[in-house]
Protein backbone atom coordinates (compact mmCIF):
# COMPACT_ATOMS: atom_id res chain seq x y z
CA MET A 1 -0.04 0.02 -0.22
CA LYS A 2 1.30 3.41 -0.97
CA SER A 3 0.32 6.49 1.30
CA HIS A 4 0.94 9.99 0.45
CA VAL A 5 0.70 12.67 3.00
CA TRP A 6 1.12 16.31 1.78
CA PHE A 7 0.86 18.79 4.68
CA LYS A 8 2.96 21.93 5.19
CA TYR A 9 4.68 21.65 8.61
CA GLY A 10 2.76 23.83 11.12
CA GLN A 11 -0.16 24.64 9.24
CA GLY A 12 -3.68 23.28 9.94
CA GLY A 13 -7.16 23.39 8.32
CA GLU A 14 -9.56 21.16 6.59
CA THR A 15 -8.27 18.03 4.87
CA VAL A 16 -9.27 15.64 2.17
CA GLU A 17 -8.48 12.04 2.41
CA ILE A 18 -8.92 9.86 -0.69
CA ILE A 19 -8.52 5.98 -0.40
CA VAL A 20 -8.54 3.59 -3.55
CA ARG A 21 -9.39 -0.08 -2.51
CA ASP A 22 -9.46 -3.28 -4.64
CA VAL A 23 -12.53 -5.72 -4.85
CA SER A 24 -11.50 -7.36 -1.36
CA GLY A 25 -11.42 -4.09 0.38
CA ALA A 26 -7.71 -3.87 0.76
CA LYS A 27 -6.07 -0.47 0.65
CA LEU A 28 -4.16 0.14 -2.64
CA GLU A 29 -3.25 3.66 -2.16
CA SER A 30 -4.25 6.85 -0.12
CA TRP A 31 -3.72 10.44 -0.29
CA ARG A 32 -4.23 13.17 2.41
CA VAL A 33 -3.98 16.76 1.46
CA GLU A 34 -5.42 20.08 2.74
CA THR A 35 -8.26 21.52 0.88
CA HIS A 36 -6.82 24.79 0.15
CA ASP A 37 -3.78 23.09 -1.82
CA VAL A 38 -5.43 23.15 -5.35
CA GLY A 39 -2.10 22.13 -6.94
CA ARG A 40 -1.72 18.93 -5.20
CA LEU A 41 -5.52 18.06 -5.50
CA LYS A 42 -5.06 18.36 -9.17
CA GLN A 43 -1.99 16.11 -9.18
CA ILE A 44 -3.93 13.47 -7.17
CA TYR A 45 -6.95 13.48 -9.70
CA ASN A 46 -4.51 13.18 -12.46
CA SER A 47 -2.74 10.32 -10.98
CA ILE A 48 -6.03 8.44 -10.13
CA LYS A 49 -7.28 9.15 -13.62
CA ASN A 50 -4.02 7.72 -15.26
CA LYS A 51 -3.54 4.66 -12.88
CA TYR A 52 -6.94 3.68 -12.27
CA ASN A 53 -8.83 5.06 -15.45
CA LEU A 54 -11.43 6.92 -13.35
CA ASN A 55 -12.48 10.30 -14.03
CA LEU A 56 -13.29 12.33 -11.03
CA PHE A 57 -14.34 15.69 -12.76
CA LEU A 58 -17.88 15.07 -13.40
CA THR A 59 -19.67 17.47 -15.74
CA ASP A 60 -23.22 18.18 -16.52
CA LYS A 61 -23.30 17.69 -20.25
CA GLY A 62 -26.97 19.01 -20.52
CA LYS A 63 -26.08 22.45 -19.23
CA LYS A 64 -25.83 25.18 -21.65
CA ASP A 65 -23.92 28.45 -21.63
CA LYS A 66 -26.52 31.21 -20.80
CA ASP A 67 -24.64 33.78 -22.99
CA LEU A 68 -24.80 31.31 -26.17
CA GLY A 69 -28.38 29.75 -25.59
CA TRP A 70 -29.72 31.81 -28.26
CA LEU A 71 -27.47 30.04 -30.85
CA ASP A 72 -29.37 26.81 -30.35
CA LEU A 73 -26.47 24.51 -31.73
CA ASP A 74 -27.93 21.11 -31.14
């Protein structure tokens, strides 16, 4: 199991912990990072996407841009 903990010394705040487990429930990899560290969060998301082929960036495909709604491109 790999464990990644990215905290700056002496700083506190809210944290996010992401754990990847296999089918049996064994922990494969985990990350702990502060919520305000956006760069590290992007690294974690890219790592999960590349290693496990899982996209955590969910988008609403049905949502249209308000400014371009008059074009009706569909």
